[in-house]
N, C-alpha and C. Protein backbone atom coordinates (compact mmCIF):
# COMPACT_ATOMS: atom_id res chain seq x y z
N MET A 1 49.42 -11.01 83.06
CA MET A 1 48.37 -9.86 84.09
C MET A 1 48.76 -10.15 85.50
N ASP A 2 48.75 -8.78 85.77
CA ASP A 2 49.15 -8.56 86.96
C ASP A 2 47.49 -8.64 88.13
N TYR A 3 47.59 -9.71 88.80
CA TYR A 3 46.07 -10.24 89.53
C TYR A 3 46.30 -8.97 90.80
N THR A 4 47.21 -8.62 91.08
CA THR A 4 47.35 -7.90 92.73
C THR A 4 46.55 -6.30 91.92
N LEU A 5 47.13 -5.90 90.59
CA LEU A 5 46.23 -4.70 90.51
C LEU A 5 44.58 -5.04 89.87
N LEU A 6 44.34 -6.27 89.21
CA LEU A 6 43.21 -6.36 89.14
C LEU A 6 42.58 -6.18 90.29
N GLY A 7 42.90 -7.06 91.59
CA GLY A 7 42.45 -7.23 92.85
C GLY A 7 42.11 -5.54 93.40
N ALA A 8 42.68 -4.83 93.24
CA ALA A 8 42.81 -3.66 93.92
C ALA A 8 41.63 -2.93 93.43
N ILE A 9 41.64 -3.13 91.75
CA ILE A 9 40.38 -2.43 91.13
C ILE A 9 38.89 -2.88 91.70
N ILE A 10 39.21 -4.39 91.61
CA ILE A 10 37.70 -4.81 92.39
C ILE A 10 37.43 -4.48 93.54
N ALA A 11 38.72 -4.04 94.24
CA ALA A 11 38.61 -3.94 95.95
C ALA A 11 38.13 -2.35 95.71
N PHE A 12 38.21 -1.64 95.01
CA PHE A 12 38.11 -0.26 94.89
C PHE A 12 36.38 0.02 94.30
N VAL A 13 36.09 -0.59 93.51
CA VAL A 13 34.91 -0.69 92.65
C VAL A 13 33.86 -1.11 93.83
N VAL A 14 34.01 -1.98 94.71
CA VAL A 14 33.25 -2.72 95.68
C VAL A 14 33.61 -1.70 96.60
N PHE A 15 34.22 -1.17 97.13
CA PHE A 15 34.54 -0.22 98.22
C PHE A 15 33.38 1.00 97.79
N ILE A 16 33.83 1.70 96.31
CA ILE A 16 33.02 2.91 96.14
C ILE A 16 31.32 2.23 95.90
N GLY A 17 31.00 1.18 95.65
CA GLY A 17 30.14 0.58 95.61
C GLY A 17 29.24 0.55 96.70
N GLY A 18 29.78 0.08 98.05
CA GLY A 18 29.06 0.37 99.59
C GLY A 18 28.89 1.36 99.64
N ILE A 19 29.83 2.31 99.57
CA ILE A 19 29.91 3.81 99.68
C ILE A 19 28.23 4.52 99.15
N LEU A 20 27.97 4.25 97.85
CA LEU A 20 27.25 4.48 97.30
C LEU A 20 25.82 3.95 97.75
N HIS A 21 25.66 3.06 98.26
CA HIS A 21 24.87 1.87 98.39
C HIS A 21 24.14 2.70 100.27
N ARG A 22 25.14 2.78 100.85
CA ARG A 22 25.44 3.49 102.14
C ARG A 22 24.50 5.19 101.95
N SER A 23 25.18 5.42 101.03
CA SER A 23 24.56 6.78 101.00
C SER A 23 23.08 7.23 100.81
N VAL A 24 22.51 5.81 99.56
CA VAL A 24 21.29 5.92 99.45
C VAL A 24 20.50 5.36 100.29
N GLU A 25 20.94 4.45 100.85
CA GLU A 25 19.86 3.91 102.27
C GLU A 25 20.07 4.72 103.00
N GLY A 26 20.70 5.51 103.81
CA GLY A 26 20.54 6.93 104.53
C GLY A 26 19.62 8.04 104.14
N ARG A 27 19.62 8.02 102.65
CA ARG A 27 18.38 8.98 102.26
C ARG A 27 17.27 8.30 103.00
N ARG A 28 17.15 6.77 102.44
CA ARG A 28 15.77 5.86 102.42
C ARG A 28 15.34 6.31 103.79
N GLU A 29 15.93 6.14 104.64
CA GLU A 29 16.06 6.37 106.41
C GLU A 29 15.31 7.33 106.38
N ALA A 30 15.98 8.85 106.03
CA ALA A 30 15.70 9.90 106.13
C ALA A 30 14.12 9.89 105.62
N VAL A 31 13.90 9.33 104.55
CA VAL A 31 12.33 9.68 104.19
C VAL A 31 11.38 8.85 104.76
N ARG A 32 12.03 7.59 105.36
CA ARG A 32 10.99 6.78 106.00
C ARG A 32 10.70 7.52 107.74
N GLN A 33 11.50 8.14 108.01
CA GLN A 33 11.37 8.53 109.33
C GLN A 33 10.77 10.06 109.17
N SER A 34 10.65 11.00 107.95
CA SER A 34 9.85 12.01 108.20
C SER A 34 8.38 11.29 107.33
N GLU A 35 7.90 10.26 106.70
CA GLU A 35 6.93 9.68 106.51
C GLU A 35 6.42 9.26 108.05
N GLN A 36 6.88 8.59 108.52
CA GLN A 36 6.61 8.19 109.75
C GLN A 36 6.14 9.44 110.81
N PHE A 37 6.89 10.11 110.85
CA PHE A 37 6.37 11.52 111.37
C PHE A 37 5.15 12.39 111.23
N TYR A 38 4.72 12.23 109.67
CA TYR A 38 3.40 12.39 109.63
C TYR A 38 2.51 11.68 109.46
N LEU A 39 2.89 10.37 109.57
CA LEU A 39 1.87 9.57 110.11
C LEU A 39 1.37 9.13 111.29
N GLN A 40 2.36 9.78 112.34
CA GLN A 40 1.93 10.07 113.93
C GLN A 40 1.17 10.94 113.57
N HIS A 41 0.74 12.13 113.02
CA HIS A 41 0.00 13.67 113.35
C HIS A 41 -1.02 13.01 112.73
N TYR A 42 -1.14 11.75 111.54
CA TYR A 42 -2.57 12.07 110.92
C TYR A 42 -3.23 11.07 111.39
N TRP A 43 -2.73 10.01 112.62
CA TRP A 43 -3.55 9.30 113.24
C TRP A 43 -3.93 10.08 114.50
N GLU A 44 -3.24 10.95 115.21
CA GLU A 44 -3.79 12.05 116.22
C GLU A 44 -4.98 12.58 115.44
N VAL A 45 -4.88 13.28 114.56
CA VAL A 45 -5.95 13.87 113.79
C VAL A 45 -7.08 13.04 113.70
N LEU A 46 -7.27 11.56 113.13
CA LEU A 46 -8.48 11.05 112.46
C LEU A 46 -8.86 10.52 114.32
N LYS A 47 -8.25 10.49 115.74
CA LYS A 47 -8.72 10.24 116.56
C LYS A 47 -9.12 10.99 117.24
N SER A 48 -9.13 12.57 117.11
CA SER A 48 -10.16 13.66 117.37
C SER A 48 -10.93 13.49 116.72
N LEU A 49 -11.76 13.16 115.39
CA LEU A 49 -13.09 13.00 114.72
C LEU A 49 -13.94 11.98 115.50
N PRO A 50 -15.14 12.77 115.42
CA PRO A 50 -16.36 11.56 115.73
C PRO A 50 -16.50 10.43 115.14
N PRO A 51 -17.22 9.23 115.75
CA PRO A 51 -17.26 7.90 115.31
C PRO A 51 -17.53 8.01 113.85
N ALA A 52 -18.80 8.98 113.87
CA ALA A 52 -19.80 9.06 112.32
C ALA A 52 -18.60 9.54 111.22
N ALA A 53 -17.53 10.04 111.61
CA ALA A 53 -16.58 10.98 110.71
C ALA A 53 -15.77 9.41 110.16
N LEU A 54 -15.47 8.69 110.81
CA LEU A 54 -14.75 7.29 111.00
C LEU A 54 -15.30 6.61 109.91
N LEU A 55 -16.57 6.24 110.02
CA LEU A 55 -17.54 5.06 109.18
C LEU A 55 -18.24 5.66 107.85
N ASP A 56 -18.26 4.90 107.44
CA ASP A 56 -19.45 4.99 106.01
C ASP A 56 -20.49 4.66 106.20
N THR A 57 -21.61 5.95 106.89
CA THR A 57 -22.95 5.26 106.95
C THR A 57 -23.80 6.17 106.10
N PRO A 58 -24.07 5.46 104.66
CA PRO A 58 -24.80 6.58 103.86
C PRO A 58 -26.19 6.94 104.23
N ASN A 59 -26.98 6.22 104.51
CA ASN A 59 -28.43 6.48 105.17
C ASN A 59 -28.34 7.36 105.95
N GLU A 60 -27.38 7.60 106.99
CA GLU A 60 -27.17 8.53 108.08
C GLU A 60 -27.37 9.93 107.26
N GLU A 61 -28.24 11.06 108.10
CA GLU A 61 -28.21 12.26 107.75
C GLU A 61 -27.52 13.05 108.78
N LYS A 62 -25.92 13.88 107.96
CA LYS A 62 -25.09 14.14 108.93
C LYS A 62 -25.20 15.96 108.95
N PRO A 63 -25.07 16.23 109.85
CA PRO A 63 -25.25 17.99 110.02
C PRO A 63 -24.22 18.32 109.54
N PRO A 64 -23.94 19.77 108.95
CA PRO A 64 -23.24 20.66 107.88
C PRO A 64 -22.34 20.65 109.18
N VAL A 65 -21.07 20.89 108.91
CA VAL A 65 -19.67 21.25 110.05
C VAL A 65 -19.87 23.03 109.66
N ASP A 66 -20.48 24.06 111.23
CA ASP A 66 -20.44 25.35 111.06
C ASP A 66 -19.41 25.42 112.20
N PRO A 67 -18.66 26.76 111.57
CA PRO A 67 -17.52 26.91 112.58
C PRO A 67 -17.80 27.85 113.91
N ASP A 68 -18.75 28.58 113.53
CA ASP A 68 -19.55 29.53 114.70
C ASP A 68 -20.25 28.57 115.67
N ASP A 69 -20.73 27.10 115.50
CA ASP A 69 -21.73 26.10 116.38
C ASP A 69 -20.56 25.96 117.53
N SER A 70 -21.10 25.99 118.62
CA SER A 70 -20.22 25.65 119.53
C SER A 70 -19.66 24.24 119.98
N ASN A 71 -20.91 23.77 119.38
CA ASN A 71 -20.50 22.11 119.73
C ASN A 71 -19.94 21.71 118.91
N GLN A 72 -19.76 22.35 117.53
CA GLN A 72 -18.96 21.56 116.09
C GLN A 72 -17.35 22.12 116.30
N VAL A 73 -17.45 23.03 117.64
CA VAL A 73 -15.73 23.93 117.47
C VAL A 73 -14.88 22.91 116.95
N ASP A 74 -14.81 21.63 117.92
CA ASP A 74 -13.83 20.60 117.68
C ASP A 74 -13.74 19.96 116.42
N LEU A 75 -15.06 19.28 116.31
CA LEU A 75 -15.06 18.80 114.89
C LEU A 75 -14.10 19.66 113.52
N TYR A 76 -14.78 21.11 113.47
CA TYR A 76 -14.27 21.81 112.78
C TYR A 76 -12.90 22.32 113.12
N ARG A 77 -12.41 22.22 113.96
CA ARG A 77 -10.55 22.27 114.16
C ARG A 77 -10.03 20.92 113.75
N ALA A 78 -10.58 19.87 114.38
CA ALA A 78 -9.96 18.74 113.75
C ALA A 78 -10.03 18.25 112.06
N CYS A 79 -10.78 18.46 111.28
CA CYS A 79 -10.85 18.87 110.17
C CYS A 79 -10.18 19.50 109.15
N ALA A 80 -10.10 20.93 110.05
CA ALA A 80 -8.86 22.16 109.45
C ALA A 80 -7.57 21.90 109.57
N LEU A 81 -7.32 20.69 110.86
CA LEU A 81 -5.89 20.14 111.14
C LEU A 81 -5.56 19.21 109.64
N TYR A 82 -6.64 18.34 109.78
CA TYR A 82 -6.19 17.43 108.38
C TYR A 82 -6.23 18.14 107.06
N LEU A 83 -6.20 18.99 107.13
CA LEU A 83 -6.30 20.38 105.97
C LEU A 83 -5.19 20.33 105.88
N ARG A 84 -4.66 20.73 106.36
CA ARG A 84 -3.06 21.83 106.87
C ARG A 84 -2.22 20.33 107.01
N LEU A 85 -2.28 19.36 107.29
CA LEU A 85 -1.58 18.56 107.65
C LEU A 85 -0.92 17.82 105.98
N SER A 86 -2.65 17.90 105.33
CA SER A 86 -2.45 17.07 103.75
C SER A 86 -1.93 17.99 103.04
N GLU A 87 -1.72 19.53 103.20
CA GLU A 87 -1.07 20.97 102.40
C GLU A 87 0.19 20.27 102.73
N ASP A 88 1.11 20.08 104.27
CA ASP A 88 2.30 19.54 104.28
C ASP A 88 2.77 18.57 103.49
N GLU A 89 1.99 17.58 103.79
CA GLU A 89 2.35 16.35 102.66
C GLU A 89 2.71 16.43 101.63
N CYS A 90 1.75 17.73 100.56
CA CYS A 90 2.03 17.76 99.29
C CYS A 90 3.49 18.50 99.35
N GLU A 91 3.61 19.38 100.16
CA GLU A 91 4.93 20.50 100.18
C GLU A 91 6.25 19.71 100.45
N LEU A 92 5.92 18.45 101.47
CA LEU A 92 7.03 17.12 101.45
C LEU A 92 7.26 16.27 100.48
N ARG A 93 6.39 16.37 99.50
CA ARG A 93 6.06 15.54 98.23
C ARG A 93 7.21 16.18 97.39
N ARG A 94 6.47 17.92 97.28
CA ARG A 94 7.80 18.58 96.33
C ARG A 94 8.70 18.78 96.54
N ARG A 95 9.52 18.66 97.88
CA ARG A 95 10.57 18.74 98.54
C ARG A 95 11.66 17.47 98.20
N SER A 96 10.76 16.68 97.88
CA SER A 96 11.34 14.90 97.82
C SER A 96 11.40 14.28 99.24
N GLY A 97 10.38 14.72 99.62
CA GLY A 97 10.47 13.97 101.31
C GLY A 97 9.55 12.66 101.49
N VAL A 98 9.00 12.16 100.46
CA VAL A 98 8.09 11.41 100.27
C VAL A 98 8.32 10.33 99.51
N SER A 99 8.36 9.05 99.45
CA SER A 99 8.85 8.41 98.58
C SER A 99 7.46 7.71 97.79
N ASP A 100 8.08 7.48 96.36
CA ASP A 100 6.89 6.95 95.41
C ASP A 100 5.52 6.16 96.27
N GLN A 101 5.80 5.04 96.57
CA GLN A 101 4.96 3.98 97.32
C GLN A 101 4.27 4.68 98.06
N THR A 102 4.57 5.57 98.86
CA THR A 102 3.95 6.24 100.06
C THR A 102 3.36 7.50 99.55
N TRP A 103 3.55 8.28 98.84
CA TRP A 103 2.82 9.12 97.66
C TRP A 103 1.50 8.77 97.12
N LYS A 104 1.65 7.38 96.44
CA LYS A 104 0.45 6.64 96.00
C LYS A 104 -1.17 6.55 96.94
N LYS A 105 -0.39 5.98 97.95
CA LYS A 105 -1.20 5.83 99.13
C LYS A 105 -1.82 7.24 99.76
N TRP A 106 -0.78 8.15 100.14
CA TRP A 106 -1.41 9.24 100.62
C TRP A 106 -2.53 10.27 99.62
N VAL A 107 -1.92 10.31 98.35
CA VAL A 107 -2.65 11.20 97.27
C VAL A 107 -4.12 10.44 97.13
N LEU A 108 -4.08 8.87 97.21
CA LEU A 108 -5.31 8.69 97.55
C LEU A 108 -6.57 8.65 98.73
N GLY A 109 -5.65 8.66 99.29
CA GLY A 109 -6.33 8.96 100.83
C GLY A 109 -6.76 10.36 101.10
N MET A 110 -6.12 11.53 100.48
CA MET A 110 -6.00 12.55 100.45
C MET A 110 -7.36 12.68 99.34
N ARG A 111 -7.57 12.26 98.90
CA ARG A 111 -9.00 12.22 97.62
C ARG A 111 -10.19 11.80 98.49
N HIS A 112 -9.80 10.65 98.93
CA HIS A 112 -11.15 10.07 99.81
C HIS A 112 -11.45 10.94 100.61
N GLN A 113 -10.63 11.74 101.42
CA GLN A 113 -11.53 12.10 102.40
C GLN A 113 -11.73 13.42 102.30
N LEU A 114 -11.09 14.15 101.11
CA LEU A 114 -11.77 15.20 100.63
C LEU A 114 -13.53 15.31 100.10
N ALA A 115 -13.79 14.00 99.96
CA ALA A 115 -14.88 13.76 99.27
C ALA A 115 -15.68 13.22 100.60
N ARG A 116 -15.53 12.97 101.67
CA ARG A 116 -16.43 12.65 102.88
C ARG A 116 -16.26 13.55 103.82
N TRP A 117 -17.79 14.06 104.43
CA TRP A 117 -17.94 14.16 105.47
C TRP A 117 -17.28 13.82 106.55
N PRO A 118 -16.50 14.75 107.59
CA PRO A 118 -16.87 16.35 108.08
C PRO A 118 -15.53 16.99 106.66
N VAL A 119 -15.21 16.23 106.53
CA VAL A 119 -13.79 17.19 106.00
C VAL A 119 -14.23 17.76 104.56
N ARG A 120 -15.04 17.37 103.99
CA ARG A 120 -15.79 17.42 102.94
C ARG A 120 -16.44 19.10 102.98
N ASP A 121 -17.44 19.10 103.96
CA ASP A 121 -17.72 20.43 104.04
C ASP A 121 -16.82 21.62 104.70
N VAL A 122 -15.65 21.22 105.69
CA VAL A 122 -14.83 22.19 106.11
C VAL A 122 -14.13 22.91 104.40
N TRP A 123 -13.92 21.69 103.62
CA TRP A 123 -13.00 21.69 102.46
C TRP A 123 -13.78 22.70 101.84
N TRP A 124 -14.67 22.51 101.52
CA TRP A 124 -15.54 23.63 100.44
C TRP A 124 -15.70 24.84 101.02
N GLN A 125 -15.82 24.96 102.58
CA GLN A 125 -15.43 26.43 102.68
C GLN A 125 -14.79 27.29 103.26
N VAL A 126 -13.50 26.57 102.99
CA VAL A 126 -11.92 27.08 103.03
C VAL A 126 -11.51 26.89 101.87
N ARG A 127 -12.12 26.11 100.47
CA ARG A 127 -11.39 25.78 99.85
C ARG A 127 -11.16 27.03 98.18
N ASP A 128 -12.28 28.17 98.62
CA ASP A 128 -11.76 29.11 97.92
C ASP A 128 -11.38 30.51 98.67
N SER A 129 -10.70 30.30 99.80
CA SER A 129 -10.45 31.58 100.40
C SER A 129 -9.08 31.62 100.02
N SER A 130 -8.88 32.71 100.55
CA SER A 130 -6.81 33.40 100.49
C SER A 130 -6.71 32.97 101.46
N HIS A 131 -5.19 33.13 101.63
CA HIS A 131 -4.04 33.68 102.50
C HIS A 131 -4.25 34.53 103.54
N PRO A 132 -4.34 34.62 104.62
CA PRO A 132 -4.54 35.53 105.54
C PRO A 132 -3.78 37.11 105.12
N ASP A 133 -2.47 36.25 105.14
CA ASP A 133 -1.41 37.53 104.72
C ASP A 133 -1.29 38.09 103.91
N ILE A 134 -1.46 37.23 102.82
CA ILE A 134 -1.20 37.52 101.32
C ILE A 134 -2.62 37.14 100.63
N PRO A 135 -3.27 38.31 100.75
CA PRO A 135 -4.84 38.09 100.19
C PRO A 135 -5.05 37.73 98.60
N LEU A 136 -3.92 37.65 97.88
CA LEU A 136 -4.34 37.26 96.49
C LEU A 136 -3.89 36.25 96.17
N LYS A 137 -2.89 35.14 97.23
CA LYS A 137 -2.07 33.73 97.13
C LYS A 137 -3.40 33.09 98.03
N PRO A 138 -3.85 31.87 97.13
CA PRO A 138 -4.91 31.17 97.73
C PRO A 138 -4.41 30.23 98.65
N GLN A 139 -5.15 29.86 99.42
CA GLN A 139 -4.92 28.93 100.75
C GLN A 139 -4.83 27.45 100.22
N PHE A 140 -4.11 26.28 100.34
CA PHE A 140 -4.10 24.95 100.13
C PHE A 140 -3.98 24.78 98.71
N GLU A 141 -3.25 25.44 97.81
CA GLU A 141 -3.00 25.47 96.61
C GLU A 141 -2.51 23.89 96.32
N TYR A 142 -1.62 23.36 97.16
CA TYR A 142 -1.34 21.87 96.70
C TYR A 142 -2.78 21.15 96.40
N LEU A 143 -3.75 21.12 97.43
CA LEU A 143 -4.58 20.35 97.86
C LEU A 143 -6.03 20.93 96.62
N ARG A 144 -5.37 22.29 96.17
CA ARG A 144 -6.37 21.89 95.17
C ARG A 144 -6.58 21.29 93.88
N GLN A 145 -4.81 21.50 93.53
CA GLN A 145 -4.20 20.39 92.46
C GLN A 145 -4.64 19.15 92.80
N VAL A 146 -4.52 18.53 93.80
CA VAL A 146 -4.96 16.76 93.98
C VAL A 146 -6.30 16.73 93.65
N GLU A 147 -6.97 17.51 93.85
CA GLU A 147 -8.74 17.62 93.95
C GLU A 147 -8.66 17.52 92.51
N ALA A 148 -7.88 18.95 91.65
CA ALA A 148 -8.23 18.98 89.99
C ALA A 148 -7.76 18.11 89.43
N HIS A 149 -6.84 17.47 89.63
CA HIS A 149 -6.24 16.00 88.62
C HIS A 149 -7.00 14.94 89.38
N ASN A 150 -7.67 14.52 90.86
CA ASN A 150 -8.69 13.29 90.75
C ASN A 150 -7.85 12.47 91.45
N GLY A 151 -6.55 12.87 92.20
CA GLY A 151 -6.06 12.09 92.90
C GLY A 151 -5.12 11.39 92.27
N ARG A 152 -4.73 12.05 91.20
CA ARG A 152 -3.21 11.49 90.04
C ARG A 152 -1.98 12.54 89.91
N TYR A 153 -1.75 13.59 91.05
CA TYR A 153 -0.71 14.69 90.57
C TYR A 153 -0.21 13.91 91.45
N ASP A 154 1.41 14.48 91.14
CA ASP A 154 2.91 14.18 91.69
C ASP A 154 3.50 15.74 91.96
N PHE A 155 3.64 16.03 93.07
CA PHE A 155 4.55 17.05 92.75
C PHE A 155 5.71 17.01 92.68
N CYS A 156 6.37 15.93 92.82
CA CYS A 156 7.97 15.42 92.88
C CYS A 156 7.91 15.45 91.50
N GLU A 157 9.42 16.42 90.89
CA GLU A 157 9.54 16.72 89.34
C GLU A 157 10.59 15.76 88.88
N MET A 158 10.88 15.09 89.80
CA MET A 158 12.50 14.23 89.88
C MET A 158 12.28 13.26 88.96
N ASN A 159 13.26 12.68 87.80
CA ASN A 159 13.44 11.69 87.16
C ASN A 159 13.16 10.60 88.01
N VAL A 160 12.99 9.29 87.36
CA VAL A 160 13.37 7.92 87.93
C VAL A 160 15.00 8.14 88.78
N LEU A 161 16.04 8.40 87.61
CA LEU A 161 17.21 8.25 88.46
C LEU A 161 17.28 9.10 89.84
N ARG A 162 17.03 10.09 89.57
CA ARG A 162 17.20 11.26 90.61
C ARG A 162 16.38 10.79 91.97
N ARG A 163 15.15 9.94 91.50
CA ARG A 163 14.63 9.59 92.59
C ARG A 163 14.94 8.30 93.27
N ALA A 164 15.88 7.55 92.34
CA ALA A 164 16.63 6.44 93.31
C ALA A 164 17.98 7.01 93.98
N TRP A 165 18.09 7.66 93.52
CA TRP A 165 19.17 8.34 94.15
C TRP A 165 18.73 8.74 95.18
N HIS A 166 17.96 9.76 95.46
CA HIS A 166 17.26 10.37 96.90
C HIS A 166 16.49 9.32 97.65
N GLY A 167 16.38 8.13 97.36
CA GLY A 167 15.77 7.41 98.17
C GLY A 167 14.32 6.99 97.86
N LEU A 168 13.82 7.96 97.28
CA LEU A 168 12.20 7.78 97.29
C LEU A 168 11.79 6.40 96.28
N ARG A 169 12.66 5.94 95.60
CA ARG A 169 12.08 4.51 94.85
C ARG A 169 12.65 3.27 95.89
N PRO A 170 12.23 2.24 95.98
CA PRO A 170 12.64 1.09 96.52
C PRO A 170 13.62 0.73 95.27
N GLY A 171 14.91 -0.48 96.14
CA GLY A 171 16.07 -0.73 95.74
C GLY A 171 15.59 -1.79 94.26
N TRP A 172 16.72 -2.04 93.63
CA TRP A 172 16.68 -3.27 92.53
C TRP A 172 16.27 -4.38 93.00
N TRP A 173 16.68 -4.92 94.31
CA TRP A 173 16.25 -6.04 95.12
C TRP A 173 14.65 -6.12 95.63
N TRP A 174 14.26 -4.92 95.93
CA TRP A 174 12.88 -4.82 96.07
C TRP A 174 11.94 -5.14 94.49
N ARG A 175 12.18 -4.63 93.87
CA ARG A 175 11.32 -4.78 92.26
C ARG A 175 11.91 -6.32 91.89
N TRP A 176 12.98 -6.69 91.89
CA TRP A 176 13.36 -8.20 91.96
C TRP A 176 12.35 -8.84 92.72
N TRP A 177 12.34 -8.62 93.74
CA TRP A 177 11.23 -9.88 94.82
C TRP A 177 9.97 -9.66 94.65
N ARG A 178 9.69 -8.65 94.46
CA ARG A 178 8.25 -7.86 94.07
C ARG A 178 7.74 -9.05 93.55
N HIS A 179 8.54 -8.75 92.18
CA HIS A 179 8.23 -9.20 90.53
C HIS A 179 8.24 -11.56 90.62
N SER A 180 8.74 -11.72 91.25
CA SER A 180 9.31 -13.19 91.18
C SER A 180 8.43 -13.89 92.64
N VAL A 181 8.08 -12.73 93.36
CA VAL A 181 7.24 -13.64 94.42
C VAL A 181 5.73 -13.18 94.62
N ARG A 182 4.58 -14.05 94.47
CA ARG A 182 3.25 -13.58 94.38
C ARG A 182 2.80 -13.20 95.72
N TRP A 183 1.49 -12.80 95.70
CA TRP A 183 1.24 -12.09 97.21
C TRP A 183 1.07 -13.41 98.14
N ASP A 184 0.90 -14.48 97.38
CA ASP A 184 0.63 -15.51 98.76
C ASP A 184 2.06 -16.70 98.54
N GLY A 185 2.94 -15.42 98.56
CA GLY A 185 4.19 -16.13 98.72
C GLY A 185 4.96 -17.16 97.75
N SER A 186 4.10 -18.04 96.81
CA SER A 186 4.54 -18.78 95.81
C SER A 186 5.44 -17.90 94.66
N GLU A 187 6.53 -18.90 94.15
CA GLU A 187 7.42 -18.49 93.13
C GLU A 187 6.45 -18.06 91.55
N ARG A 188 6.56 -17.01 90.86
CA ARG A 188 6.13 -16.60 89.65
C ARG A 188 6.51 -17.67 88.75
């Protein structure tokens, strides 16, 4: 057997494997950057909400959010920005720009915020409105699906292999490490 040919084949396979790995890692990095961009905007919107909107205080009576009230214009604006941001995040997931792990967290957060004051009040006001430019097209169609499916809806229609190729799933090493090491760091 010719060992130089075998060595060349092995080197070629390793070279191609390196190129494929780099390609997937590049896609993962692009996904991480888009997630980071939306996460920064999420925190900016949360900073504009009043403290009562950030804390769960069940006994405190909160006034309904009225867009015509001059004292609540900023609150209404912050809630509308949150709804628009959430709709954009759903669209980004549909276009395969959000990883599987991040999407699970984001969609549960959306569901939670849609049920809490003040976002809930604004959501109830705009949920059934139509698009201003296209009267028969509803606004926030992705958020409607999130609400209808109780936060268990995934807009990404790719199969597992395509998700891995596009960098939406963690690599094999992550799954191996996660399953072999417990949350406290001890071996299983």
